[in-house]
Amino acid sequence: MKIRARISVTFLIIVAANLVLFSLAIYFISEYFRQRDFYYRLADKARITARLLIEEDKIDPAILRLIERNNLTSLPEEHIVIYDQQNNPIYASADTTRDLVGQRDLLDRVRKQKQLYLRRNDKEIAGLTHTYRQQEFVIIATAYDESGLTEIAHLRNILGFGLVFSLSLVGISGWMFAGRFLQPISNVIRQVDKITASNLNLRVDASDNSDEIAQLANTFNSMLDRVQEAFEVQRNFVANASHELRTPLTIITGQIEVTLIKPRTVEEHEAKWKAVLDVIKRLNVLSNNLLELTQVSLDDAPIKFQEVALDEAIYQATKMLTTRRPDYQVIFSFETEAMYSSLTVQGSLALLISAFVNLMENGCKFSPKNQVQVILGADERWATIQFKDEGIGIDPADIKHIYEPFFRAENAKRILGYGIGLPLTYRIIQLHRGQIMVSSRLNEGTTFTLKLPKTF
């Protein structure tokens, strides 16, 4: 069932329930007041008859019966019976009382309650006691409320027809209004259906209102912005990765083809194979970096965190880098606060070492002195690590792109690299719920600052 139909049916059910309850309340309240008024009239008539018969000695029962039959104020099918203390009838307005009483305990109930009202066989019965000269008489009066029941029947018909008509009108109105209010959602659905991978630049028209429909449209547009950005990043990643992989493969193919053109000496073969080996090593580093970037980019990557001492991690990263590149120099120092504070964080030692190596290597690689300063600091909540170099710096326009895979600034393209280290480092710091900030000036140097939450 579509939303429009569900809204219409739900609205109809709610209104129907309210109308039915309202109609039932009107009907039963009207029925209650009808019975009450009729009972009062019947009881008054019974009291008047009892006074005339019991308190006025000159009134003969036959004459009183004749008066009652010809009285214009008599109620339809009216019967009045008066009983003495021995439950013997001393007066009856009709020839028989068998159908009037019906049950022996009725008189006992009237004597006990002094006043009793009930309904039997569409007739209203009023029972009451009348005391005169220390004798208690019981008066039973019954009649048929013809006019009251007719009015109640008319009210029942009016309420029934009114309920059917009202629900029909509510159903039609609810269907129309549901369609009207859901029209903006239908427009959003039609516009979203037109958006495919080839036209991600399209957006949903959002009104100037601040209602839920406008918020939904704005949410769709924000999601489309992220999807388009992800598509662009993926497209650039594939293009750059293809280019970076194709270059070393082309070099390897060219070296082998040149080597096979003519016979060569052992020394020539050795030089060619060393050149090929260097290219293969570069290709292996690129493949490992791509694999590591893919692993840490997965949202559900199974990474086990443990307590890591940052000073020890930085020491291992320094040793790893200087072993691979003996010409690189890392100058390590502590801020004053870090010497008296905990430097333990919750994380992965291997990933943190990889991030530190990337930042150290970049600092040394882009610095004429092949040197980077690593400064470890801490406060009550965070452990901070600064990586400072005096290298070529980063253009302010390029800073927002440095975490994109394979992006390389114009002034860095002459230096060997792939543009994967910083995106990998950025993702690792994100996984550790940390922050990474950069400040740089061209030809003066760059400072990367890492902030990692401490373990308490």
Protein backbone atom coordinates (compact mmCIF):
# COMPACT_ATOMS: atom_id res chain seq x y z
CA MET A 1 0.00 0.00 0.00
CA LYS A 2 1.36 3.40 -0.98
CA ILE A 3 1.86 6.20 1.51
CA ARG A 4 -1.04 8.17 0.06
CA ALA A 5 -3.43 5.28 0.59
CA ARG A 6 -2.06 4.57 4.08
CA ILE A 7 -2.44 8.21 5.11
CA SER A 8 -5.99 8.35 3.71
CA VAL A 9 -7.04 5.10 5.39
CA THR A 10 -5.41 6.04 8.70
CA PHE A 11 -7.04 9.47 8.64
CA LEU A 12 -10.41 7.91 7.78
CA ILE A 13 -10.12 5.38 10.62
CA ILE A 14 -9.20 8.08 13.16
CA VAL A 15 -12.06 10.36 12.08
CA ALA A 16 -14.48 7.41 11.91
CA ALA A 17 -13.55 6.35 15.44
CA ASN A 18 -14.11 9.88 16.73
CA LEU A 19 -17.41 10.28 14.88
CA VAL A 20 -18.67 6.87 16.04
CA LEU A 21 -17.77 7.65 19.64
CA PHE A 22 -19.38 11.08 19.36
CA SER A 23 -22.55 9.61 17.80
CA LEU A 24 -22.78 6.87 20.42
CA ALA A 25 -22.32 9.44 23.17
CA ILE A 26 -25.13 11.59 21.75
CA TYR A 27 -27.40 8.57 21.30
CA PHE A 28 -26.92 7.09 24.77
CA ILE A 29 -27.10 10.47 26.49
CA SER A 30 -30.35 11.22 24.66
CA GLU A 31 -31.69 7.76 25.56
CA TYR A 32 -30.72 8.31 29.20
CA PHE A 33 -32.56 11.65 29.45
CA ARG A 34 -35.57 10.19 27.61
CA GLN A 35 -35.88 7.37 30.13
CA ARG A 36 -35.28 9.71 33.08
CA ASP A 37 -37.95 12.18 31.97
CA PHE A 38 -40.44 9.41 31.25
CA TYR A 39 -39.75 7.75 34.60
CA TYR A 40 -40.37 11.05 36.38
CA ARG A 41 -43.65 11.53 34.52
CA LEU A 42 -44.69 7.95 35.30
CA ALA A 43 -43.76 8.30 38.97
CA ASP A 44 -45.68 11.60 39.30
CA LYS A 45 -48.74 9.97 37.74
CA ALA A 46 -48.46 7.04 40.17
CA ARG A 47 -48.18 9.34 43.20
CA ILE A 48 -51.22 11.38 42.14
CA THR A 49 -53.27 8.20 41.66
CA ALA A 50 -52.17 6.88 45.09
CA ARG A 51 -53.11 10.11 46.85
CA LEU A 52 -56.54 10.19 45.20
CA LEU A 53 -57.26 6.57 46.05
CA ILE A 54 -55.70 6.24 49.49
CA GLU A 55 -55.94 9.69 51.03
CA GLU A 56 -59.33 10.68 49.58
CA ASP A 57 -61.98 8.32 50.97
CA LYS A 58 -64.71 9.67 48.74
CA ILE A 59 -63.01 8.51 45.52
CA ASP A 60 -64.32 5.12 44.36
CA PRO A 61 -61.79 2.84 42.56
CA ALA A 62 -64.19 2.28 39.67
CA ILE A 63 -64.69 6.02 39.23
CA LEU A 64 -60.91 6.58 39.42
CA ARG A 65 -60.37 3.87 36.79
CA LEU A 66 -62.92 5.53 34.55
CA ILE A 67 -61.25 8.92 35.02
CA GLU A 68 -57.84 7.47 34.14
CA ARG A 69 -59.11 5.87 30.96
CA ASN A 70 -60.63 9.10 29.71
CA ASN A 71 -57.84 11.40 30.88
CA LEU A 72 -56.15 13.17 27.98
CA THR A 73 -52.85 13.23 29.88
CA SER A 74 -52.75 9.45 30.24
CA LEU A 75 -49.61 7.81 28.91
CA PRO A 76 -49.77 5.18 26.12
CA GLU A 77 -50.57 1.69 27.49
CA GLU A 78 -50.56 3.10 31.00
CA HIS A 79 -51.18 0.67 33.87
CA ILE A 80 -51.10 1.54 37.57
CA VAL A 81 -51.44 -1.04 40.36
CA ILE A 82 -51.44 -0.31 44.11
CA TYR A 83 -50.64 -3.03 46.68
CA ASP A 84 -51.22 -3.04 50.42
CA GLN A 85 -48.83 -4.35 53.08
CA GLN A 86 -49.83 -7.96 52.36
CA ASN A 87 -48.98 -7.48 48.64
CA ASN A 88 -52.65 -7.68 47.71
CA PRO A 89 -53.74 -5.41 44.87
CA ILE A 90 -56.22 -2.79 46.08
CA TYR A 91 -56.37 -0.92 42.79
CA ALA A 92 -55.57 -1.67 39.16
CA SER A 93 -56.15 0.62 36.24
CA ALA A 94 -56.41 -2.47 33.98
CA ASP A 95 -58.40 -5.63 34.23
CA THR A 96 -55.33 -7.85 34.74
CA THR A 97 -51.99 -7.43 36.48
CA ARG A 98 -50.34 -10.73 35.40
CA ASP A 99 -48.25 -9.15 32.66
CA LEU A 100 -47.56 -6.08 34.77
CA VAL A 101 -45.74 -7.65 37.67
CA GLY A 102 -44.31 -10.79 36.11
CA GLN A 103 -42.06 -11.63 39.07
CA ARG A 104 -42.91 -11.92 42.75
CA ASP A 105 -39.69 -10.32 43.96
CA LEU A 106 -40.52 -7.01 42.23
CA LEU A 107 -42.63 -5.85 45.17
CA ASP A 108 -39.90 -6.88 47.63
CA ARG A 109 -37.31 -4.91 45.67
CA VAL A 110 -39.53 -1.82 45.66
CA ARG A 111 -40.14 -2.07 49.43
CA LYS A 112 -36.37 -2.41 49.98
CA GLN A 113 -35.23 0.39 47.63
CA LYS A 114 -38.29 2.65 48.15
CA GLN A 115 -38.01 3.74 44.49
CA LEU A 116 -37.23 1.55 41.50
CA TYR A 117 -37.06 2.16 37.76
CA LEU A 118 -36.58 -0.52 35.12
CA ARG A 119 -37.49 -1.49 31.57
CA ARG A 120 -39.20 -4.69 30.46
CA ASN A 121 -40.54 -5.64 27.03
CA ASP A 122 -40.18 -2.08 25.66
CA LYS A 123 -42.20 -0.76 28.59
CA GLU A 124 -40.95 1.49 31.34
CA ILE A 125 -41.77 0.43 34.91
CA ALA A 126 -41.69 2.71 37.95
CA GLY A 127 -42.07 1.24 41.42
CA LEU A 128 -42.33 3.38 44.56
CA THR A 129 -43.73 3.26 48.08
CA HIS A 130 -46.38 5.51 49.61
CA THR A 131 -46.83 5.68 53.38
CA TYR A 132 -50.18 6.78 54.84
CA ARG A 133 -51.40 6.31 58.42
CA GLN A 134 -48.50 3.99 59.27
CA GLN A 135 -49.26 1.75 56.32
CA GLU A 136 -46.83 1.30 53.47
CA PHE A 137 -48.35 0.84 50.04
CA VAL A 138 -46.47 -0.17 46.87
CA ILE A 139 -47.32 1.51 43.59
CA ILE A 140 -46.32 -0.13 40.29
CA ALA A 141 -46.81 2.00 37.19
CA THR A 142 -45.95 0.97 33.63
CA ALA A 143 -46.38 2.66 30.24
CA TYR A 144 -44.99 2.75 26.72
CA ASP A 145 -43.03 5.91 25.74
CA GLU A 146 -44.27 6.05 22.17
CA SER A 147 -43.21 9.64 21.37
CA GLY A 148 -39.82 9.33 23.11
CA LEU A 149 -38.93 6.06 21.38
CA THR A 150 -40.01 7.51 18.04
CA GLU A 151 -37.70 10.51 18.56
CA ILE A 152 -34.86 8.20 19.55
CA ALA A 153 -35.42 6.14 16.38
CA HIS A 154 -35.32 9.32 14.32
CA LEU A 155 -32.12 10.37 16.10
CA ARG A 156 -30.60 6.94 15.40
CA ASN A 157 -31.40 7.23 11.70
CA ILE A 158 -30.05 10.77 11.51
CA LEU A 159 -26.81 9.75 13.23
CA GLY A 160 -26.42 6.69 10.99
CA PHE A 161 -26.96 8.55 7.72
CA GLY A 162 -24.87 11.48 8.97
CA LEU A 163 -22.04 9.11 9.88
CA VAL A 164 -22.04 7.46 6.46
CA PHE A 165 -22.16 10.81 4.65
CA SER A 166 -19.45 12.33 6.86
CA LEU A 167 -17.10 9.36 6.41
CA SER A 168 -17.58 9.45 2.65
CA LEU A 169 -16.77 13.15 2.60
CA VAL A 170 -13.78 12.63 4.91
CA GLY A 171 -12.47 9.77 2.75
CA ILE A 172 -12.61 11.85 -0.44
CA SER A 173 -11.14 14.91 1.27
CA GLY A 174 -8.38 12.86 2.91
CA TRP A 175 -7.41 11.29 -0.41
CA MET A 176 -7.25 14.70 -2.09
CA PHE A 177 -5.28 16.37 0.71
CA ALA A 178 -2.88 13.41 1.03
CA GLY A 179 -2.15 13.66 -2.69
CA ARG A 180 -1.63 17.40 -2.38
CA PHE A 181 0.73 17.18 0.58
CA LEU A 182 2.69 14.26 -0.93
CA GLN A 183 3.12 16.03 -4.26
CA PRO A 184 6.51 17.54 -3.24
CA ILE A 185 7.76 14.05 -2.32
CA SER A 186 6.59 12.74 -5.70
CA ASN A 187 8.50 15.57 -7.37
CA VAL A 188 11.63 14.64 -5.41
CA ILE A 189 11.24 10.97 -6.45
CA ARG A 190 10.87 11.92 -10.14
CA GLN A 191 13.94 14.14 -9.99
CA VAL A 192 16.05 11.53 -8.18
CA ASP A 193 15.04 8.88 -10.75
CA LYS A 194 16.60 11.03 -13.47
CA ILE A 195 20.01 11.08 -11.74
CA THR A 196 22.42 8.41 -12.96
CA ALA A 197 26.18 7.87 -12.90
CA SER A 198 26.51 9.90 -16.11
CA ASN A 199 24.74 13.04 -14.79
CA LEU A 200 25.64 13.24 -11.11
CA ASN A 201 25.75 17.01 -11.45
CA LEU A 202 21.93 17.18 -11.37
CA ARG A 203 20.34 18.24 -8.10
CA VAL A 204 16.89 18.10 -6.53
CA ASP A 205 14.95 21.37 -6.48
CA ALA A 206 14.64 22.42 -2.83
CA SER A 207 12.09 25.06 -1.91
CA ASP A 208 12.86 28.02 0.31
CA ASN A 209 10.68 26.55 3.07
CA SER A 210 12.17 24.98 6.17
CA ASP A 211 9.71 22.08 6.27
CA GLU A 212 10.57 18.38 6.19
CA ILE A 213 10.26 18.17 2.39
CA ALA A 214 12.84 20.91 1.92
CA GLN A 215 15.09 19.19 4.45
CA LEU A 216 14.70 15.92 2.54
CA ALA A 217 15.64 17.62 -0.73
CA ASN A 218 18.65 19.29 0.88
CA THR A 219 19.70 15.95 2.36
CA PHE A 220 19.49 14.33 -1.09
CA ASN A 221 21.58 17.15 -2.54
CA SER A 222 24.19 16.78 0.19
CA MET A 223 24.33 13.05 -0.42
CA LEU A 224 24.68 13.63 -4.17
CA ASP A 225 27.53 16.05 -3.49
CA ARG A 226 29.34 13.35 -1.51
CA VAL A 227 28.59 10.70 -4.14
CA GLN A 228 29.83 12.95 -6.94
CA GLU A 229 32.95 13.76 -4.97
CA ALA A 230 33.55 10.06 -4.33
CA PHE A 231 33.08 9.30 -8.04
CA GLU A 232 35.56 12.03 -8.96
CA VAL A 233 38.09 10.78 -6.41
CA GLN A 234 37.64 7.22 -7.65
CA ARG A 235 37.98 8.27 -11.29
CA ASN A 236 41.12 10.25 -10.52
CA PHE A 237 42.47 7.41 -8.42
CA VAL A 238 42.00 4.89 -11.21
CA ALA A 239 43.52 7.22 -13.79
CA ASN A 240 46.52 8.10 -11.62
CA ALA A 241 47.04 4.53 -10.46
CA SER A 242 46.95 3.32 -14.05
CA HIS A 243 49.51 5.96 -15.01
CA GLU A 244 51.81 5.23 -12.08
CA LEU A 245 51.67 1.48 -12.73
CA ARG A 246 52.07 1.84 -16.47
CA THR A 247 55.24 3.97 -16.22
CA PRO A 248 57.43 1.40 -14.41
CA LEU A 249 56.02 -1.42 -16.53
CA THR A 250 56.88 0.53 -19.66
CA ILE A 251 60.40 1.11 -18.35
CA ILE A 252 60.83 -2.60 -17.57
CA THR A 253 59.55 -3.58 -21.00
CA GLY A 254 61.85 -1.06 -22.73
CA GLN A 255 64.91 -2.20 -20.78
CA ILE A 256 64.28 -5.84 -21.61
CA GLU A 257 63.62 -5.10 -25.28
CA VAL A 258 66.81 -3.00 -25.58
CA THR A 259 68.79 -5.74 -23.88
CA LEU A 260 67.53 -8.36 -26.34
CA ILE A 261 68.27 -6.33 -29.48
CA LYS A 262 71.91 -7.43 -29.65
CA PRO A 263 74.38 -9.51 -27.71
CA ARG A 264 75.90 -7.74 -24.69
CA THR A 265 78.68 -8.27 -22.24
CA VAL A 266 78.13 -9.49 -18.71
CA GLU A 267 78.75 -6.01 -17.36
CA GLU A 268 76.15 -4.52 -19.71
CA HIS A 269 73.61 -7.17 -18.74
CA GLU A 270 74.32 -6.55 -15.07
CA ALA A 271 73.78 -2.79 -15.48
CA LYS A 272 70.50 -3.33 -17.33
CA TRP A 273 69.20 -5.82 -14.80
CA LYS A 274 70.11 -3.50 -11.92
CA ALA A 275 68.08 -0.73 -13.59
CA VAL A 276 65.18 -3.15 -14.03
CA LEU A 277 65.50 -4.26 -10.40
CA ASP A 278 65.29 -0.63 -9.20
CA VAL A 279 62.12 -0.12 -11.19
CA ILE A 280 60.63 -3.35 -9.84
CA LYS A 281 61.41 -2.23 -6.28
CA ARG A 282 59.62 1.07 -6.96
CA LEU A 283 56.69 -0.87 -8.39
CA ASN A 284 56.64 -3.12 -5.32
CA VAL A 285 56.61 -0.09 -2.98
CA LEU A 286 53.75 1.42 -4.98
CA SER A 287 51.75 -1.82 -4.85
CA ASN A 288 52.26 -2.16 -1.09
CA ASN A 289 51.20 1.43 -0.52
CA LEU A 290 48.07 0.93 -2.62
CA LEU A 291 47.21 -2.27 -0.72
CA GLU A 292 47.75 -0.59 2.65
CA LEU A 293 45.65 2.43 1.61
CA THR A 294 42.83 0.12 0.53
CA GLN A 295 42.91 -1.79 3.81
CA VAL A 296 42.73 1.27 6.06
CA SER A 297 40.05 2.86 3.85
CA LEU A 298 37.53 0.14 4.68
CA ASP A 299 35.03 1.31 7.31
CA ASP A 300 34.82 -2.16 8.83
CA ALA A 301 38.56 -2.88 8.67
CA PRO A 302 39.41 -5.46 11.39
CA ILE A 303 42.08 -3.46 13.26
CA LYS A 304 43.03 -4.47 16.80
CA PHE A 305 43.86 -1.52 19.06
CA GLN A 306 46.12 -1.70 22.08
CA GLU A 307 48.08 0.68 24.26
CA VAL A 308 50.92 2.26 22.30
CA ALA A 309 53.75 4.39 23.73
CA LEU A 310 54.24 7.18 21.20
CA ASP A 311 57.91 7.77 22.02
CA GLU A 312 58.66 4.10 21.36
CA ALA A 313 56.65 4.17 18.11
CA ILE A 314 58.54 7.25 16.91
CA TYR A 315 61.86 5.61 17.81
CA GLN A 316 60.98 2.51 15.78
CA ALA A 317 59.80 4.63 12.84
CA THR A 318 63.07 6.61 12.93
CA LYS A 319 65.13 3.43 13.01
CA MET A 320 63.15 1.97 10.10
CA LEU A 321 63.59 5.10 7.98
CA THR A 322 67.29 5.66 8.66
CA THR A 323 68.04 2.00 8.01
CA ARG A 324 66.45 2.28 4.59
CA ARG A 325 67.83 5.74 3.89
CA PRO A 326 71.05 6.37 5.84
CA ASP A 327 71.31 9.86 4.35
CA TYR A 328 68.11 10.97 6.12
CA GLN A 329 68.36 12.62 9.54
CA VAL A 330 65.62 12.79 12.21
CA ILE A 331 66.06 15.22 15.14
CA PHE A 332 63.84 14.15 18.03
CA SER A 333 62.89 16.33 21.05
CA PHE A 334 60.32 16.65 23.85
CA GLU A 335 58.30 19.60 24.96
CA THR A 336 58.47 20.29 28.70
CA GLU A 337 54.92 19.07 29.40
CA ALA A 338 55.53 15.80 27.56
CA MET A 339 58.36 14.85 29.89
CA TYR A 340 55.97 14.71 32.87
CA SER A 341 52.84 13.41 31.17
CA SER A 342 51.57 10.11 29.82
CA LEU A 343 52.33 9.50 26.14
CA THR A 344 50.22 6.35 25.79
CA VAL A 345 47.42 6.17 23.23
CA GLN A 346 45.01 3.46 22.13
CA GLY A 347 45.87 2.31 18.61
CA SER A 348 47.72 0.07 16.21
CA LEU A 349 51.50 0.19 16.54
CA ALA A 350 52.10 -0.92 12.95
CA LEU A 351 49.75 1.71 11.47
CA LEU A 352 51.14 4.52 13.62
CA ILE A 353 54.69 3.61 12.64
CA SER A 354 53.62 3.66 8.97
CA ALA A 355 52.12 7.14 9.39
CA PHE A 356 55.19 8.46 11.21
CA VAL A 357 57.54 7.02 8.56
CA ASN A 358 55.55 8.69 5.79
CA LEU A 359 55.71 12.12 7.46
CA MET A 360 59.40 11.75 8.34
CA GLU A 361 60.26 10.59 4.84
CA ASN A 362 58.37 13.49 3.24
CA GLY A 363 60.09 15.97 5.55
CA CYS A 364 63.54 14.64 4.65
CA LYS A 365 62.79 14.10 0.96
CA PHE A 366 61.56 17.64 0.30
CA SER A 367 64.23 19.31 2.45
CA PRO A 368 67.62 20.23 0.96
CA LYS A 369 69.29 19.07 4.19
CA ASN A 370 67.40 15.74 4.17
CA GLN A 371 66.44 16.56 7.74
CA VAL A 372 63.18 16.64 9.77
CA GLN A 373 62.46 17.67 13.37
CA VAL A 374 60.05 15.58 15.43
CA ILE A 375 58.71 17.31 18.56
CA LEU A 376 56.58 15.33 21.00
CA GLY A 377 54.19 17.20 23.31
CA ALA A 378 51.17 16.49 25.49
CA ASP A 379 48.41 18.09 27.53
CA GLU A 380 45.65 16.67 29.71
CA ARG A 381 43.68 15.12 26.81
CA TRP A 382 45.92 14.95 23.76
CA ALA A 383 49.36 13.79 22.73
CA THR A 384 50.81 15.96 19.95
CA ILE A 385 53.57 15.25 17.45
CA GLN A 386 55.03 17.91 15.16
CA PHE A 387 57.02 17.09 12.03
CA LYS A 388 58.95 20.18 10.88
CA ASP A 389 61.12 20.54 7.81
CA GLU A 390 62.82 23.40 5.98
CA GLY A 391 61.88 22.17 2.55
CA ILE A 392 60.14 23.52 -0.54
CA GLY A 393 56.79 24.05 1.20
CA ILE A 394 53.26 23.65 -0.16
CA ASP A 395 51.32 26.18 -2.15
CA PRO A 396 48.20 27.34 -0.20
CA ALA A 397 46.01 26.38 -3.17
CA ASP A 398 47.35 22.80 -3.05
CA ILE A 399 46.92 22.19 0.69
CA LYS A 400 43.26 21.14 0.34
CA HIS A 401 44.26 18.43 -2.17
CA ILE A 402 47.26 16.88 -0.42
CA TYR A 403 45.14 14.08 1.11
CA GLU A 404 43.82 12.96 -2.27
CA PRO A 405 45.50 9.80 -3.59
CA PHE A 406 48.17 10.43 -6.27
CA PHE A 407 47.92 14.19 -5.97
CA ARG A 408 51.30 15.92 -6.27
CA ALA A 409 51.92 19.65 -6.14
CA GLU A 410 53.63 21.32 -9.08
CA ASN A 411 56.79 22.05 -7.12
CA ALA A 412 57.05 18.43 -5.97
CA LYS A 413 56.71 16.61 -9.28
CA ARG A 414 60.46 16.74 -9.95
CA ILE A 415 61.05 14.69 -6.77
CA LEU A 416 60.38 10.96 -6.88
CA GLY A 417 57.09 9.98 -5.23
CA TYR A 418 53.60 8.63 -5.81
CA GLY A 419 51.27 10.84 -3.75
CA ILE A 420 50.02 7.98 -1.56
CA GLY A 421 51.84 8.61 1.74
CA LEU A 422 49.78 11.57 2.94
CA PRO A 423 46.36 10.03 2.08
CA LEU A 424 47.45 6.88 3.90
CA THR A 425 48.61 8.90 6.92
CA TYR A 426 45.39 10.94 6.97
CA ARG A 427 43.26 7.77 7.01
CA ILE A 428 45.37 6.20 9.78
CA ILE A 429 44.97 9.27 12.01
CA GLN A 430 41.21 9.22 11.32
CA LEU A 431 41.02 5.57 12.42
CA HIS A 432 42.69 6.59 15.69
CA ARG A 433 40.13 9.40 16.20
CA GLY A 434 42.91 11.93 15.96
CA GLN A 435 43.50 15.17 14.09
CA ILE A 436 46.06 16.20 11.51
CA MET A 437 46.88 19.83 10.69
CA VAL A 438 49.36 21.38 8.30
CA SER A 439 50.97 24.80 8.01
CA SER A 440 53.38 25.65 5.23
CA ARG A 441 55.16 28.44 3.40
CA LEU A 442 56.76 28.11 0.01
CA ASN A 443 60.53 27.68 0.13
CA GLU A 444 60.50 27.99 3.93
CA GLY A 445 59.20 24.66 5.14
CA THR A 446 56.18 22.67 6.28
CA THR A 447 54.89 21.56 9.68
CA PHE A 448 52.50 18.64 10.14
CA THR A 449 50.88 18.43 13.60
CA LEU A 450 49.22 15.22 14.80
CA LYS A 451 46.88 15.11 17.81
CA LEU A 452 45.96 11.73 19.26
CA PRO A 453 43.62 11.17 22.25
CA LYS A 454 45.48 9.87 25.30
CA THR A 455 44.65 6.70 27.19
CA PHE A 456 43.74 7.19 30.84
